[in-house]
Protein backbone atom coordinates (compact mmCIF):
# COMPACT_ATOMS: atom_id res chain seq x y z
CA MET A 1 6.04 -4.64 -2.64
CA SER A 2 2.79 -5.15 -2.19
CA ARG A 3 1.44 -7.47 1.00
CA ASN A 4 -2.01 -7.10 0.21
CA ILE A 5 -1.48 -10.07 -3.26
CA GLU A 6 -1.36 -13.80 -1.47
CA TYR A 7 0.22 -16.51 -3.79
CA GLN A 8 -1.96 -19.14 -4.66
CA PHE A 9 0.02 -22.41 -4.62
CA VAL A 10 -2.73 -24.42 -5.28
CA PRO A 11 -6.04 -23.48 -7.28
CA THR A 12 -9.56 -22.95 -5.60
CA ASP A 13 -11.72 -22.74 -8.07
CA THR A 14 -15.29 -24.32 -7.11
CA GLU A 15 -16.27 -25.57 -10.75
CA THR A 16 -13.01 -27.36 -11.47
CA ILE A 17 -12.96 -29.29 -8.49
CA VAL A 18 -16.57 -30.38 -9.02
CA SER A 19 -16.22 -31.15 -12.53
CA LEU A 20 -12.89 -33.10 -11.34
CA LEU A 21 -14.99 -34.95 -9.11
CA VAL A 22 -18.04 -35.83 -10.98
CA SER A 23 -15.73 -37.29 -14.04
CA MET A 24 -13.82 -39.16 -11.47
CA TYR A 25 -17.07 -40.67 -10.27
CA GLU A 26 -18.79 -41.45 -13.68
CA LYS A 27 -15.21 -43.27 -14.74
CA PHE A 28 -15.84 -45.60 -11.51
CA THR A 29 -19.30 -46.46 -11.64
CA GLY A 30 -19.99 -45.75 -14.95
CA VAL A 31 -23.21 -43.88 -13.75
CA THR A 32 -23.64 -40.58 -15.45
CA VAL A 33 -24.66 -37.91 -12.29
CA GLN A 34 -27.60 -35.78 -12.92
CA PRO A 35 -27.41 -32.17 -12.09
CA ALA A 36 -30.17 -32.43 -8.88
CA SER A 37 -29.14 -36.39 -8.56
CA PRO A 38 -28.22 -37.31 -4.61
CA GLU A 39 -24.85 -38.01 -5.74
CA MET A 40 -24.51 -34.32 -7.41
CA LEU A 41 -25.10 -33.39 -3.89
CA PHE A 42 -22.56 -35.60 -2.53
CA ILE A 43 -19.78 -34.40 -4.89
CA ARG A 44 -20.69 -30.74 -3.91
CA TRP A 45 -20.71 -31.15 -0.85
CA VAL A 46 -16.85 -33.17 -1.03
CA GLY A 47 -15.89 -30.62 -3.22
CA ASN A 48 -16.40 -27.75 -0.03
CA VAL A 49 -14.51 -30.27 2.21
CA VAL A 50 -11.76 -29.93 -0.68
CA ILE A 51 -12.09 -26.29 -1.29
CA GLN A 52 -11.41 -25.36 2.41
CA GLU A 53 -8.27 -27.64 2.74
CA ARG A 54 -6.65 -26.02 -0.29
CA VAL A 55 -7.29 -22.14 1.04
CA MET A 56 -5.91 -23.60 4.67
CA ASN A 57 -2.94 -24.81 2.55
CA ASN A 58 -2.70 -21.50 0.48
CA TYR A 59 -2.81 -19.82 3.87
CA THR A 60 -0.39 -21.48 5.22
CA GLY A 61 1.92 -21.52 2.56
CA ASN A 62 1.57 -17.74 2.19
CA GLN A 63 2.26 -17.38 6.03
CA ASN A 64 5.70 -18.49 5.69
CA ILE A 65 6.88 -15.98 3.13
CA PRO A 66 7.53 -12.68 4.97
CA SER A 67 6.20 -10.54 2.71
CA ARG A 68 2.51 -12.15 3.04
CA ALA A 69 3.11 -13.14 6.46
CA GLU A 70 0.91 -11.78 9.26
CA GLY A 71 0.58 -11.19 13.25
CA ALA A 72 2.41 -13.94 15.02
CA ASN A 73 3.58 -15.52 12.03
CA LEU A 74 5.39 -12.67 10.35
CA ASP A 75 7.20 -12.41 14.26
CA ALA A 76 8.29 -15.98 13.96
CA LEU A 77 9.92 -15.06 10.45
CA GLY A 78 11.81 -12.08 12.02
CA GLU A 79 14.35 -14.85 13.45
CA LEU A 80 15.42 -14.75 9.57
CA PHE A 81 16.38 -11.06 9.96
CA LEU A 82 18.68 -8.76 12.34
CA GLU A 83 15.00 -7.51 12.80
CA SER A 84 14.36 -9.74 14.35
CA THR A 85 12.07 -8.35 16.93
CA ARG A 86 8.68 -6.17 16.03
CA PRO A 87 9.59 -2.54 17.57
CA ALA A 88 7.21 -2.41 20.56
CA ALA A 89 5.13 1.23 21.82
CA GLN A 90 7.25 3.88 22.91
CA ALA A 91 6.73 6.41 24.96
CA ALA A 92 6.82 10.31 23.67
CA THR A 93 9.42 12.73 25.69
CA CYS A 94 9.53 15.85 26.28
CA LYS A 95 12.20 18.67 28.38
CA MET A 96 11.01 19.89 31.66
CA ARG A 97 12.53 22.75 33.79
CA PHE A 98 11.50 21.96 37.34
CA SER A 99 11.79 25.25 39.58
CA ILE A 100 12.63 26.08 43.34
CA SER A 101 11.18 28.99 44.93
CA GLU A 102 15.33 29.97 45.77
CA ALA A 103 18.39 28.85 45.69
CA GLN A 104 19.18 26.64 48.55
CA GLU A 105 23.13 26.18 50.17
CA SER A 106 22.41 22.65 49.28
CA ALA A 107 21.51 20.60 46.47
CA VAL A 108 17.80 19.78 46.21
CA LEU A 109 16.87 16.23 44.75
CA ILE A 110 14.26 15.89 42.12
CA PRO A 111 13.43 11.80 42.68
CA SER A 112 13.53 9.48 39.57
CA GLY A 113 10.20 8.89 38.73
CA THR A 114 8.46 12.44 39.72
CA ARG A 115 5.51 12.73 37.94
CA VAL A 116 4.27 15.63 36.30
CA THR A 117 0.71 15.95 33.66
CA ASP A 118 -1.31 18.91 32.01
CA THR A 119 -3.90 20.55 33.61
CA SER A 120 -6.56 18.32 32.51
CA GLY A 121 -4.37 15.02 34.20
CA ALA A 122 -4.85 13.07 30.74
CA THR A 123 -1.38 11.57 30.19
CA ILE A 124 1.37 11.12 33.25
CA TRP A 125 4.51 11.82 32.98
CA GLU A 126 7.72 10.92 34.94
CA THR A 127 11.54 11.51 35.19
CA PHE A 128 13.41 8.62 35.09
CA GLU A 129 17.19 9.29 37.07
CA ASP A 130 17.53 11.14 39.89
CA ALA A 131 18.51 14.85 39.58
CA TYR A 132 19.75 17.37 41.37
CA VAL A 133 19.14 21.14 41.27
CA PRO A 134 22.69 22.48 42.25
CA ILE A 135 23.38 24.90 44.84
CA GLY A 136 22.83 28.67 43.64
CA ASP A 137 20.68 27.91 40.94
CA THR A 138 16.51 28.05 41.15
CA SER A 139 15.51 25.55 38.47
CA ILE A 140 17.32 22.19 36.17
CA GLU A 141 15.86 20.89 33.08
CA LEU A 142 15.29 17.24 33.07
CA GLU A 143 14.23 14.46 30.49
CA VAL A 144 10.73 13.39 31.04
CA ARG A 145 8.52 10.28 29.62
CA CYS A 146 4.82 9.42 29.20
CA GLN A 147 3.64 7.16 30.99
CA THR A 148 1.31 5.80 28.52
CA PRO A 149 3.53 4.28 25.70
CA GLY A 150 2.33 5.22 21.91
CA ALA A 151 1.23 7.88 19.90
CA ALA A 152 -0.76 9.39 22.40
CA GLY A 153 1.83 11.71 24.15
CA ASN A 154 2.84 12.99 21.27
CA GLY A 155 1.96 17.04 20.56
CA TYR A 156 1.94 18.41 23.75
CA ALA A 157 2.85 21.91 23.26
CA VAL A 158 5.04 24.06 25.13
CA GLY A 159 4.15 25.28 28.72
CA GLN A 160 1.13 22.44 28.01
CA ILE A 161 2.68 19.84 31.13
CA ASN A 162 2.63 21.88 34.13
CA THR A 163 1.57 20.36 37.16
CA LEU A 164 3.02 18.87 39.28
CA VAL A 165 1.78 15.28 40.87
CA ASP A 166 4.78 14.15 43.31
CA ILE A 167 5.84 17.15 45.39
CA TYR A 168 9.62 17.72 46.15
CA ASP A 169 11.40 20.12 48.50
CA TYR A 170 11.09 24.25 47.76
CA TYR A 171 8.78 23.44 44.83
CA SER A 172 7.47 26.22 42.88
CA GLY A 173 6.53 25.10 39.34
CA CYS A 174 7.31 22.76 36.35
CA THR A 175 6.87 23.42 33.02
CA ASN A 176 7.72 21.66 29.43
CA ILE A 177 9.77 23.49 27.62
CA THR A 178 10.02 21.53 24.48
CA GLU A 179 7.08 19.84 22.71
CA SER A 180 6.37 16.22 23.14
CA GLU A 181 7.17 13.78 20.71
CA GLY A 182 9.15 10.23 20.22
CA GLY A 183 5.89 8.29 20.86
CA ALA A 184 4.82 4.99 18.65
CA ASP A 185 2.53 2.53 18.74
CA GLU A 186 3.65 -0.84 17.85
CA ALA A 187 4.94 -1.75 14.25
CA THR A 188 1.98 -2.66 12.28
CA ASP A 189 2.83 -5.88 9.95
CA ASP A 190 3.63 -3.74 7.34
CA GLU A 191 6.00 -1.50 9.04
CA TYR A 192 7.88 -4.61 10.53
CA TYR A 193 8.23 -6.00 6.69
CA GLU A 194 9.73 -2.68 5.66
CA LEU A 195 12.05 -3.13 9.12
CA MET A 196 12.71 -6.30 8.16
CA ARG A 197 14.01 -5.57 4.11
CA ALA A 198 15.68 -2.62 5.57
CA SER A 199 17.54 -4.58 8.15
CA MET A 200 19.78 -6.14 5.94
CA ASP A 201 21.66 -3.31 5.59
CA GLY A 202 22.32 -3.09 9.02
CA TYR A 203 24.72 -5.76 9.31
CA SER A 204 27.19 -3.35 8.35
CA THR A 205 29.06 -0.69 10.05
CA ALA A 206 31.12 0.71 7.03
CA GLY A 207 29.13 4.12 7.14
CA ALA A 208 26.74 2.58 4.11
CA ARG A 209 24.06 4.48 2.56
CA GLY A 210 21.12 2.35 3.21
CA GLY A 211 22.87 1.33 7.22
CA TYR A 212 22.40 4.63 8.03
CA ILE A 213 19.00 5.05 6.97
CA TYR A 214 17.66 1.74 8.56
CA TRP A 215 19.06 2.93 11.74
CA ALA A 216 17.36 5.91 11.57
CA LYS A 217 14.03 4.18 11.23
CA GLN A 218 14.73 2.06 13.66
CA VAL A 219 14.07 5.01 16.41
CA SER A 220 10.39 5.46 15.70
CA THR A 221 7.37 3.90 13.21
CA LEU A 222 6.25 7.16 12.54
CA ILE A 223 9.20 7.89 10.72
CA ALA A 224 8.02 7.37 7.07
CA ASP A 225 11.47 8.72 4.90
CA VAL A 226 15.32 8.98 5.61
CA VAL A 227 17.74 10.71 3.21
CA ALA A 228 21.44 10.00 4.09
CA ASN A 229 23.71 12.23 2.06
CA SER A 230 27.49 12.98 2.06
CA PRO A 231 28.45 16.40 1.11
CA THR A 232 31.80 16.36 2.16
CA PRO A 233 33.93 13.54 3.33
CA GLY A 234 33.95 12.25 6.48
CA VAL A 235 30.50 14.21 7.11
CA VAL A 236 26.69 12.36 7.36
CA LYS A 237 23.52 14.17 7.11
CA LEU A 238 20.57 12.42 7.53
CA TYR A 239 16.90 14.21 6.82
CA VAL A 240 13.80 12.50 8.77
CA LEU A 241 10.20 12.98 7.55
CA MET A 242 7.52 11.64 9.73
CA ASP A 243 4.24 10.00 8.79
CA ASP A 244 2.51 13.08 8.34
CA GLY A 245 4.40 14.66 6.35
CA THR A 246 5.88 17.24 8.80
CA LEU A 247 9.43 17.92 9.50
CA ALA A 248 10.81 15.81 13.12
CA GLY A 249 11.08 17.74 15.77
CA GLU A 250 14.08 18.71 18.14
CA GLU A 251 13.51 15.52 20.40
CA LEU A 252 13.22 13.03 17.21
CA LYS A 253 16.18 14.32 16.18
CA GLY A 254 18.12 14.19 19.05
CA LYS A 255 17.01 10.25 19.28
CA VAL A 256 18.17 9.85 15.60
CA LEU A 257 21.58 11.68 16.32
CA ALA A 258 22.23 9.32 19.07
CA ALA A 259 20.96 6.06 17.10
CA CYS A 260 23.34 6.62 13.96
CA SER A 261 26.14 8.08 16.14
CA ALA A 262 27.00 5.33 18.09
CA GLU A 263 30.63 3.80 17.74
CA ASP A 264 29.42 0.78 16.65
CA ARG A 265 27.08 1.91 14.06
CA ARG A 266 29.01 4.27 12.04
CA PRO A 267 32.86 4.65 11.53
CA LEU A 268 35.20 6.39 13.45
CA THR A 269 36.20 8.96 10.80
CA ASP A 270 32.17 10.07 10.40
CA GLN A 271 30.73 13.22 11.74
CA VAL A 272 26.87 12.76 11.92
CA PHE A 273 23.94 15.47 11.71
CA VAL A 274 20.55 15.43 11.62
CA GLU A 275 19.11 18.11 9.92
CA ASP A 276 15.77 19.44 8.02
CA ALA A 277 14.92 19.42 4.93
CA GLU A 278 13.88 22.34 3.08
CA ILE A 279 10.18 22.80 3.02
CA VAL A 280 8.53 24.12 -0.75
CA SER A 281 5.42 25.22 -0.50
CA TYR A 282 2.33 25.11 -3.05
CA ASP A 283 -1.11 26.27 -3.13
CA VAL A 284 -4.17 24.16 -4.93
CA ASN A 285 -6.58 26.00 -6.52
CA LEU A 286 -8.92 23.60 -8.92
CA THR A 287 -12.77 23.98 -10.55
CA TYR A 288 -14.18 20.86 -11.15
CA TYR A 289 -17.39 20.67 -13.68
CA ILE A 290 -20.51 17.68 -13.38
CA GLN A 291 -21.70 15.56 -16.12
CA ASN A 292 -26.00 16.19 -16.61
CA GLY A 293 -27.31 13.12 -15.89
CA GLY A 294 -24.72 11.55 -13.99
CA ALA A 295 -25.21 8.66 -11.06
CA LYS A 296 -23.47 10.64 -8.42
CA SER A 297 -25.42 13.27 -6.61
CA ALA A 298 -23.41 16.80 -6.45
CA ALA A 299 -22.96 16.16 -2.80
CA GLU A 300 -21.56 12.98 -3.11
CA ILE A 301 -19.23 14.28 -5.74
CA ALA A 302 -18.13 17.39 -3.37
CA ALA A 303 -17.08 15.14 -0.71
CA ASP A 304 -15.26 12.40 -3.36
CA VAL A 305 -13.39 15.64 -4.55
CA LYS A 306 -12.35 16.97 -1.09
CA ALA A 307 -10.53 13.64 -0.21
CA ALA A 308 -9.44 13.36 -3.71
CA VAL A 309 -7.23 16.42 -2.53
CA ASP A 310 -6.93 15.18 0.86
CA GLU A 311 -5.17 12.18 -0.46
CA TYR A 312 -3.16 13.87 -3.42
CA VAL A 313 -1.70 16.47 -0.14
CA ALA A 314 -1.44 13.05 2.00
CA TRP A 315 0.48 11.81 -0.86
CA GLU A 316 2.84 14.87 -1.85
CA SER A 317 3.93 15.12 1.68
CA ALA A 318 5.04 11.18 2.01
CA LYS A 319 8.43 11.17 0.84
CA LEU A 320 11.68 13.43 0.81
CA GLY A 321 12.24 14.96 -2.69
CA ARG A 322 8.70 13.90 -4.11
CA ASP A 323 7.89 16.37 -7.25
CA ILE A 324 4.93 18.41 -6.79
CA ASN A 325 2.75 16.92 -9.83
CA PRO A 326 -0.87 18.01 -11.09
CA SER A 327 -1.01 15.32 -13.33
CA HIS A 328 -0.75 12.71 -10.11
CA LEU A 329 -3.88 15.20 -8.39
CA ILE A 330 -5.91 15.64 -12.01
CA TRP A 331 -5.71 11.23 -12.19
CA LEU A 332 -7.02 10.97 -8.27
CA LEU A 333 -10.01 13.79 -9.30
CA MET A 334 -11.11 11.89 -12.35
CA GLN A 335 -11.64 8.91 -10.46
CA THR A 336 -14.46 10.93 -8.27
CA GLY A 337 -17.17 10.85 -11.42
CA ILE A 338 -16.36 14.29 -12.22
CA LYS A 339 -16.42 15.12 -15.67
CA ARG A 340 -13.34 17.16 -16.34
CA VAL A 341 -11.25 19.44 -13.71
CA GLU A 342 -8.84 22.31 -14.68
CA VAL A 343 -6.00 23.16 -12.19
CA THR A 344 -4.73 26.66 -11.97
CA SER A 345 -1.76 25.43 -9.05
CA PRO A 346 0.04 23.39 -8.26
CA GLU A 347 2.63 23.58 -11.25
CA PHE A 348 4.66 20.89 -11.83
CA THR A 349 7.65 21.86 -9.93
CA SER A 350 11.14 19.23 -9.66
CA LEU A 351 12.20 18.92 -5.98
CA ARG A 352 15.59 17.91 -5.09
CA ASP A 353 15.79 14.11 -3.62
CA GLY A 354 19.44 14.79 -1.88
CA SER A 355 21.30 12.57 -4.93
CA ASP A 356 22.94 15.55 -5.61
CA LEU A 357 24.50 15.81 -1.98
CA SER A 358 22.40 18.95 -1.20
CA ALA A 359 19.41 18.97 1.52
CA PRO A 360 16.58 17.24 -0.25
CA GLN A 361 13.04 19.11 -0.05
CA VAL A 362 9.41 17.71 0.84
CA ALA A 363 6.50 19.57 -0.21
CA LYS A 364 3.74 21.30 1.78
CA VAL A 365 0.62 22.57 1.14
CA GLY A 366 -0.54 26.08 1.66
CA GLN A 367 -4.16 27.49 0.65
CA ILE A 368 -6.54 24.79 -0.72
CA THR A 369 -9.38 26.54 -3.08
CA ILE A 370 -11.86 24.20 -5.03
CA THR A 371 -14.58 25.28 -6.70
CA ASN A 372 -17.66 23.60 -8.25
CA GLY A 373 -17.99 24.64 -11.77
CA GLY A 374 -21.54 23.36 -12.47
CA TYR A 375 -22.88 20.94 -14.75
CA GLU A 376 -22.35 20.04 -18.47
CA ASP A 377 -23.46 18.36 -21.30
CA GLU A 378 -21.82 15.22 -22.05
């Protein structure tokens, strides 16, 4: 359901209102209103006031409908749903290895709140529980959390976070051993509304498909799509796709597993697994032609064609099981002002969506080749 279309509870057409006011004035006074008369100027001023009030009435009405409400008004309507609170920004996490110079005869404390950063100091990370390097060991692995909530902490590669801020005893080094992920900005109005709708499935802990999808999506607003199926009795497999079309990383999959395995969210007979969807690669290879005498320059069309291809690539990878469909690519390209296009690849390919209880598939672009075929007559 689109959140961009507003309901019209009362009409706001200016000429209709002015015509009604003129008719009423002439009926009451018996005077014919002339187009440039003072009476007409006054009536138009009154009409503007009436229109403004009607616009505000329409706005107020729409702010009482979850699919149209915005900001604090949408937050207030959350009381009607299980998802009663807008998901706040979440901090990214990753796993760090903290090392000491040599094994000790007593455990070495790494206090809660020990901070680490990358060489540029762009983000600060911290531990959130006390931990000890065991006697006889020289390192321990701990989860750290970015102090800056949101997506800014995502994407730090293995080994990139390697600078200790708070020195502990016998320190010799630290490094992240997993890529940071899981950071998410506060849910937008669109994201919050979709979670509110999906939360209706969360009232059931009976293992409903929608329930698993809802609890999985609650983990992060960066999750675009989730498929839940049960290939064998008592086994639930979840497949998670991110907003950028990539599969969820190990950190986020672990959080989804924890969220969906809680005893108050799944039947005791269910075993829950979070696995990767199957990636199906495709290439984009096309040649487009421009009509002679067109309104747009070749440079403008080239930029629009590139943007259309980028939009297609993002669309293909935005949902698990979405078929590789060159017709959608052609439709986007024909809106750029080109005369025609020859698409060599991709070819139509049907992808599994998991409804057959197998692992779903997701499209991923490989090589993109865009060729300008030049001008042609109509």
